[in-house]
Amino acid sequence: MIRNDQELTVSRERLAKLERTLETLRKSARPEEWPALSSGYRLEIERMQGEILDYLVQNAPRREGAPA
């Protein structure tokens, strides 16, 4: 769970690294191995994307003077 903007930055960097890794593996993996090889990466990427979106849409920042 992402709790602040610093963790958001780290999560985005980690997500980008996973995507680059998957892209590299895609170029060298054998077609018959690809579904098994890529599935774990896909699940982790989707989980992280969900966490990032959850953080971005929850607890919208308050504007000064706005009612709580």
PDB file of N, CA and C in Angstrom:
ATOM      1  N   MET A   1       0.841  -1.178   0.000  1.00  0.00           N
ATOM      2  CA  MET A   1       0.000   0.000   0.000  1.00  0.00           C
ATOM      3  C   MET A   1       0.891   1.248   0.000  1.00  0.00           C
ATOM      4  N   ILE A   2       0.600   2.139  -0.882  1.00  0.00           N
ATOM      5  CA  ILE A   2       1.372   3.376  -1.010  1.00  0.00           C
ATOM      6  C   ILE A   2       0.791   4.403  -0.043  1.00  0.00           C
ATOM      7  N   ARG A   3       1.659   4.995   0.797  1.00  0.00           N
ATOM      8  CA  ARG A   3       1.174   5.918   1.828  1.00  0.00           C
ATOM      9  C   ARG A   3       1.536   7.374   1.586  1.00  0.00           C
ATOM     10  N   ASN A   4       2.498   7.621   0.682  1.00  0.00           N
ATOM     11  CA  ASN A   4       2.904   9.008   0.455  1.00  0.00           C
ATOM     12  C   ASN A   4       3.531   9.146  -0.932  1.00  0.00           C
ATOM     13  N   ASP A   5       3.844  10.377  -1.301  1.00  0.00           N
ATOM     14  CA  ASP A   5       4.370  10.637  -2.643  1.00  0.00           C
ATOM     15  C   ASP A   5       5.743  10.011  -2.869  1.00  0.00           C
ATOM     16  N   GLN A   6       6.531   9.892  -1.828  1.00  0.00           N
ATOM     17  CA  GLN A   6       7.841   9.252  -1.971  1.00  0.00           C
ATOM     18  C   GLN A   6       7.663   7.776  -2.329  1.00  0.00           C
ATOM     19  N   GLU A   7       6.740   7.101  -1.655  1.00  0.00           N
ATOM     20  CA  GLU A   7       6.463   5.704  -1.980  1.00  0.00           C
ATOM     21  C   GLU A   7       5.864   5.574  -3.378  1.00  0.00           C
ATOM     22  N   LEU A   8       5.101   6.558  -3.799  1.00  0.00           N
ATOM     23  CA  LEU A   8       4.554   6.572  -5.157  1.00  0.00           C
ATOM     24  C   LEU A   8       5.691   6.603  -6.175  1.00  0.00           C
ATOM     25  N   THR A   9       6.673   7.447  -5.944  1.00  0.00           N
ATOM     26  CA  THR A   9       7.818   7.544  -6.850  1.00  0.00           C
ATOM     27  C   THR A   9       8.571   6.220  -6.922  1.00  0.00           C
ATOM     28  N   VAL A  10       8.815   5.610  -5.777  1.00  0.00           N
ATOM     29  CA  VAL A  10       9.525   4.328  -5.736  1.00  0.00           C
ATOM     30  C   VAL A  10       8.713   3.252  -6.456  1.00  0.00           C
ATOM     31  N   SER A  11       7.414   3.239  -6.249  1.00  0.00           N
ATOM     32  CA  SER A  11       6.557   2.248  -6.909  1.00  0.00           C
ATOM     33  C   SER A  11       6.567   2.421  -8.421  1.00  0.00           C
ATOM     34  N   ARG A  12       6.533   3.653  -8.870  1.00  0.00           N
ATOM     35  CA  ARG A  12       6.584   3.901 -10.318  1.00  0.00           C
ATOM     36  C   ARG A  12       7.920   3.452 -10.907  1.00  0.00           C
ATOM     37  N   GLU A  13       9.003   3.680 -10.191  1.00  0.00           N
ATOM     38  CA  GLU A  13      10.319   3.245 -10.665  1.00  0.00           C
ATOM     39  C   GLU A  13      10.387   1.720 -10.725  1.00  0.00           C
ATOM     40  N   ARG A  14       9.864   1.075  -9.707  1.00  0.00           N
ATOM     41  CA  ARG A  14       9.860  -0.391  -9.670  1.00  0.00           C
ATOM     42  C   ARG A  14       8.992  -0.954 -10.792  1.00  0.00           C
ATOM     43  N   LEU A  15       7.849  -0.344 -11.021  1.00  0.00           N
ATOM     44  CA  LEU A  15       6.961  -0.768 -12.100  1.00  0.00           C
ATOM     45  C   LEU A  15       7.661  -0.647 -13.453  1.00  0.00           C
ATOM     46  N   ALA A  16       8.329   0.458 -13.679  1.00  0.00           N
ATOM     47  CA  ALA A  16       9.048   0.659 -14.935  1.00  0.00           C
ATOM     48  C   ALA A  16      10.138  -0.400 -15.114  1.00  0.00           C
ATOM     49  N   LYS A  17      10.826  -0.747 -14.025  1.00  0.00           N
ATOM     50  CA  LYS A  17      11.872  -1.768 -14.104  1.00  0.00           C
ATOM     51  C   LYS A  17      11.272  -3.128 -14.455  1.00  0.00           C
ATOM     52  N   LEU A  18      10.149  -3.470 -13.848  1.00  0.00           N
ATOM     53  CA  LEU A  18       9.488  -4.734 -14.173  1.00  0.00           C
ATOM     54  C   LEU A  18       9.049  -4.774 -15.633  1.00  0.00           C
ATOM     55  N   GLU A  19       8.534  -3.667 -16.124  1.00  0.00           N
ATOM     56  CA  GLU A  19       8.108  -3.611 -17.523  1.00  0.00           C
ATOM     57  C   GLU A  19       9.299  -3.769 -18.467  1.00  0.00           C
ATOM     58  N   ARG A  20      10.417  -3.150 -18.132  1.00  0.00           N
ATOM     59  CA  ARG A  20      11.623  -3.291 -18.963  1.00  0.00           C
ATOM     60  C   ARG A  20      12.135  -4.735 -18.936  1.00  0.00           C
ATOM     61  N   THR A  21      12.089  -5.352 -17.766  1.00  0.00           N
ATOM     62  CA  THR A  21      12.511  -6.747 -17.641  1.00  0.00           C
ATOM     63  C   THR A  21      11.633  -7.648 -18.496  1.00  0.00           C
ATOM     64  N   LEU A  22      10.337  -7.442 -18.428  1.00  0.00           N
ATOM     65  CA  LEU A  22       9.408  -8.240 -19.220  1.00  0.00           C
ATOM     66  C   LEU A  22       9.654  -8.038 -20.714  1.00  0.00           C
ATOM     67  N   GLU A  23       9.915  -6.810 -21.096  1.00  0.00           N
ATOM     68  CA  GLU A  23      10.202  -6.510 -22.502  1.00  0.00           C
ATOM     69  C   GLU A  23      11.467  -7.236 -22.972  1.00  0.00           C
ATOM     70  N   THR A  24      12.489  -7.254 -22.138  1.00  0.00           N
ATOM     71  CA  THR A  24      13.731  -7.943 -22.478  1.00  0.00           C
ATOM     72  C   THR A  24      13.513  -9.448 -22.582  1.00  0.00           C
ATOM     73  N   LEU A  25      12.800 -10.007 -21.619  1.00  0.00           N
ATOM     74  CA  LEU A  25      12.525 -11.445 -21.644  1.00  0.00           C
ATOM     75  C   LEU A  25      11.712 -11.839 -22.868  1.00  0.00           C
ATOM     76  N   ARG A  26      10.828 -10.979 -23.269  1.00  0.00           N
ATOM     77  CA  ARG A  26       9.961 -11.251 -24.420  1.00  0.00           C
ATOM     78  C   ARG A  26      10.775 -11.473 -25.693  1.00  0.00           C
ATOM     79  N   LYS A  27      11.911 -10.816 -25.779  1.00  0.00           N
ATOM     80  CA  LYS A  27      12.759 -10.927 -26.973  1.00  0.00           C
ATOM     81  C   LYS A  27      13.537 -12.241 -27.023  1.00  0.00           C
ATOM     82  N   SER A  28      13.752 -12.855 -25.861  1.00  0.00           N
ATOM     83  CA  SER A  28      14.603 -14.043 -25.834  1.00  0.00           C
ATOM     84  C   SER A  28      13.884 -15.327 -25.426  1.00  0.00           C
ATOM     85  N   ALA A  29      12.683 -15.233 -24.920  1.00  0.00           N
ATOM     86  CA  ALA A  29      11.973 -16.424 -24.442  1.00  0.00           C
ATOM     87  C   ALA A  29      11.457 -17.262 -25.605  1.00  0.00           C
ATOM     88  N   ARG A  30      11.406 -18.553 -25.370  1.00  0.00           N
ATOM     89  CA  ARG A  30      10.814 -19.436 -26.371  1.00  0.00           C
ATOM     90  C   ARG A  30       9.296 -19.327 -26.284  1.00  0.00           C
ATOM     91  N   PRO A  31       8.627 -19.358 -27.418  1.00  0.00           N
ATOM     92  CA  PRO A  31       7.164 -19.180 -27.435  1.00  0.00           C
ATOM     93  C   PRO A  31       6.423 -20.136 -26.509  1.00  0.00           C
ATOM     94  N   GLU A  32       6.872 -21.374 -26.427  1.00  0.00           N
ATOM     95  CA  GLU A  32       6.177 -22.349 -25.574  1.00  0.00           C
ATOM     96  C   GLU A  32       6.374 -22.067 -24.082  1.00  0.00           C
ATOM     97  N   GLU A  33       7.406 -21.318 -23.731  1.00  0.00           N
ATOM     98  CA  GLU A  33       7.670 -20.974 -22.330  1.00  0.00           C
ATOM     99  C   GLU A  33       7.064 -19.640 -21.928  1.00  0.00           C
ATOM    100  N   TRP A  34       6.717 -18.835 -22.903  1.00  0.00           N
ATOM    101  CA  TRP A  34       6.320 -17.458 -22.631  1.00  0.00           C
ATOM    102  C   TRP A  34       5.136 -17.318 -21.675  1.00  0.00           C
ATOM    103  N   PRO A  35       4.049 -18.070 -21.845  1.00  0.00           N
ATOM    104  CA  PRO A  35       2.926 -17.888 -20.911  1.00  0.00           C
ATOM    105  C   PRO A  35       3.321 -18.105 -19.446  1.00  0.00           C
ATOM    106  N   ALA A  36       4.064 -19.154 -19.178  1.00  0.00           N
ATOM    107  CA  ALA A  36       4.474 -19.428 -17.800  1.00  0.00           C
ATOM    108  C   ALA A  36       5.484 -18.397 -17.305  1.00  0.00           C
ATOM    109  N   LEU A  37       6.383 -18.000 -18.170  1.00  0.00           N
ATOM    110  CA  LEU A  37       7.420 -17.040 -17.789  1.00  0.00           C
ATOM    111  C   LEU A  37       6.845 -15.654 -17.516  1.00  0.00           C
ATOM    112  N   SER A  38       5.900 -15.246 -18.320  1.00  0.00           N
ATOM    113  CA  SER A  38       5.387 -13.874 -18.218  1.00  0.00           C
ATOM    114  C   SER A  38       4.271 -13.697 -17.194  1.00  0.00           C
ATOM    115  N   SER A  39       3.605 -14.770 -16.816  1.00  0.00           N
ATOM    116  CA  SER A  39       2.411 -14.623 -15.970  1.00  0.00           C
ATOM    117  C   SER A  39       2.704 -13.991 -14.612  1.00  0.00           C
ATOM    118  N   GLY A  40       3.797 -14.362 -13.983  1.00  0.00           N
ATOM    119  CA  GLY A  40       4.134 -13.775 -12.690  1.00  0.00           C
ATOM    120  C   GLY A  40       4.446 -12.290 -12.788  1.00  0.00           C
ATOM    121  N   TYR A  41       5.163 -11.927 -13.835  1.00  0.00           N
ATOM    122  CA  TYR A  41       5.457 -10.507 -14.060  1.00  0.00           C
ATOM    123  C   TYR A  41       4.171  -9.730 -14.306  1.00  0.00           C
ATOM    124  N   ARG A  42       3.301 -10.305 -15.107  1.00  0.00           N
ATOM    125  CA  ARG A  42       2.037  -9.623 -15.410  1.00  0.00           C
ATOM    126  C   ARG A  42       1.223  -9.382 -14.138  1.00  0.00           C
ATOM    127  N   LEU A  43       1.113 -10.400 -13.301  1.00  0.00           N
ATOM    128  CA  LEU A  43       0.352 -10.246 -12.063  1.00  0.00           C
ATOM    129  C   LEU A  43       0.941  -9.155 -11.172  1.00  0.00           C
ATOM    130  N   GLU A  44       2.260  -9.128 -11.065  1.00  0.00           N
ATOM    131  CA  GLU A  44       2.907  -8.114 -10.221  1.00  0.00           C
ATOM    132  C   GLU A  44       2.731  -6.716 -10.813  1.00  0.00           C
ATOM    133  N   ILE A  45       2.838  -6.593 -12.125  1.00  0.00           N
ATOM    134  CA  ILE A  45       2.638  -5.300 -12.782  1.00  0.00           C
ATOM    135  C   ILE A  45       1.210  -4.818 -12.565  1.00  0.00           C
ATOM    136  N   GLU A  46       0.239  -5.699 -12.743  1.00  0.00           N
ATOM    137  CA  GLU A  46      -1.163  -5.316 -12.541  1.00  0.00           C
ATOM    138  C   GLU A  46      -1.432  -4.926 -11.090  1.00  0.00           C
ATOM    139  N   ARG A  47      -0.826  -5.649 -10.145  1.00  0.00           N
ATOM    140  CA  ARG A  47      -1.008  -5.329  -8.722  1.00  0.00           C
ATOM    141  C   ARG A  47      -0.448  -3.944  -8.414  1.00  0.00           C
ATOM    142  N   MET A  48       0.738  -3.679  -8.933  1.00  0.00           N
ATOM    143  CA  MET A  48       1.364  -2.384  -8.680  1.00  0.00           C
ATOM    144  C   MET A  48       0.596  -1.248  -9.345  1.00  0.00           C
ATOM    145  N   GLN A  49       0.111  -1.472 -10.560  1.00  0.00           N
ATOM    146  CA  GLN A  49      -0.699  -0.452 -11.229  1.00  0.00           C
ATOM    147  C   GLN A  49      -1.939  -0.136 -10.396  1.00  0.00           C
ATOM    148  N   GLY A  50      -2.554  -1.163  -9.836  1.00  0.00           N
ATOM    149  CA  GLY A  50      -3.724  -0.961  -8.986  1.00  0.00           C
ATOM    150  C   GLY A  50      -3.395  -0.140  -7.748  1.00  0.00           C
ATOM    151  N   GLU A  51      -2.269  -0.442  -7.115  1.00  0.00           N
ATOM    152  CA  GLU A  51      -1.864   0.323  -5.934  1.00  0.00           C
ATOM    153  C   GLU A  51      -1.610   1.788  -6.279  1.00  0.00           C
ATOM    154  N   ILE A  52      -0.976   2.020  -7.409  1.00  0.00           N
ATOM    155  CA  ILE A  52      -0.701   3.396  -7.831  1.00  0.00           C
ATOM    156  C   ILE A  52      -2.008   4.141  -8.065  1.00  0.00           C
ATOM    157  N   LEU A  53      -2.929   3.524  -8.794  1.00  0.00           N
ATOM    158  CA  LEU A  53      -4.222   4.168  -9.044  1.00  0.00           C
ATOM    159  C   LEU A  53      -4.997   4.392  -7.752  1.00  0.00           C
ATOM    160  N   ASP A  54      -4.975   3.408  -6.855  1.00  0.00           N
ATOM    161  CA  ASP A  54      -5.665   3.568  -5.569  1.00  0.00           C
ATOM    162  C   ASP A  54      -5.129   4.784  -4.823  1.00  0.00           C
ATOM    163  N   TYR A  55      -3.816   4.921  -4.787  1.00  0.00           N
ATOM    164  CA  TYR A  55      -3.216   6.058  -4.087  1.00  0.00           C
ATOM    165  C   TYR A  55      -3.609   7.380  -4.737  1.00  0.00           C
ATOM    166  N   LEU A  56      -3.588   7.408  -6.064  1.00  0.00           N
ATOM    167  CA  LEU A  56      -3.869   8.658  -6.772  1.00  0.00           C
ATOM    168  C   LEU A  56      -5.316   9.123  -6.623  1.00  0.00           C
ATOM    169  N   VAL A  57      -6.252   8.206  -6.470  1.00  0.00           N
ATOM    170  CA  VAL A  57      -7.661   8.613  -6.411  1.00  0.00           C
ATOM    171  C   VAL A  57      -8.218   8.690  -4.992  1.00  0.00           C
ATOM    172  N   GLN A  58      -7.523   8.170  -4.022  1.00  0.00           N
ATOM    173  CA  GLN A  58      -8.041   8.237  -2.653  1.00  0.00           C
ATOM    174  C   GLN A  58      -7.564   9.503  -1.950  1.00  0.00           C
ATOM    175  N   ASN A  59      -8.333   9.923  -1.004  1.00  0.00           N
ATOM    176  CA  ASN A  59      -7.959  11.058  -0.162  1.00  0.00           C
ATOM    177  C   ASN A  59      -7.484  12.264  -0.962  1.00  0.00           C
ATOM    178  N   ALA A  60      -8.370  12.795  -1.746  1.00  0.00           N
ATOM    179  CA  ALA A  60      -8.035  13.980  -2.537  1.00  0.00           C
ATOM    180  C   ALA A  60      -7.532  15.083  -1.616  1.00  0.00           C
ATOM    181  N   PRO A  61      -6.534  15.832  -2.049  1.00  0.00           N
ATOM    182  CA  PRO A  61      -6.003  16.901  -1.198  1.00  0.00           C
ATOM    183  C   PRO A  61      -7.049  17.982  -0.960  1.00  0.00           C
ATOM    184  N   ARG A  62      -7.012  18.520   0.231  1.00  0.00           N
ATOM    185  CA  ARG A  62      -7.944  19.609   0.570  1.00  0.00           C
ATOM    186  C   ARG A  62      -7.347  20.943   0.176  1.00  0.00           C
ATOM    187  N   ARG A  63      -8.207  21.830  -0.220  1.00  0.00           N
ATOM    188  CA  ARG A  63      -7.775  23.202  -0.505  1.00  0.00           C
ATOM    189  C   ARG A  63      -7.991  24.022   0.751  1.00  0.00           C
ATOM    190  N   GLU A  64      -7.099  24.948   0.970  1.00  0.00           N
ATOM    191  CA  GLU A  64      -7.245  25.797   2.150  1.00  0.00           C
ATOM    192  C   GLU A  64      -8.554  26.553   2.083  1.00  0.00           C
ATOM    193  N   GLY A  65      -9.246  26.575   3.186  1.00  0.00           N
ATOM    194  CA  GLY A  65     -10.510  27.293   3.267  1.00  0.00           C
ATOM    195  C   GLY A  65     -11.706  26.479   2.812  1.00  0.00           C
ATOM    196  N   ALA A  66     -11.458  25.303   2.248  1.00  0.00           N
ATOM    197  CA  ALA A  66     -12.570  24.457   1.801  1.00  0.00           C
ATOM    198  C   ALA A  66     -13.143  23.714   2.999  1.00  0.00           C
ATOM    199  N   PRO A  67     -14.451  23.495   3.010  1.00  0.00           N
ATOM    200  CA  PRO A  67     -15.044  22.750   4.124  1.00  0.00           C
ATOM    201  C   PRO A  67     -14.556  21.306   4.140  1.00  0.00           C
ATOM    202  N   ALA A  68     -14.460  20.756   5.325  1.00  0.00           N
ATOM    203  CA  ALA A  68     -13.971  19.378   5.481  1.00  0.00           C
ATOM    204  C   ALA A  68     -15.019  18.370   5.102  1.00  0.00           C
TER     205      ALA A  68
END
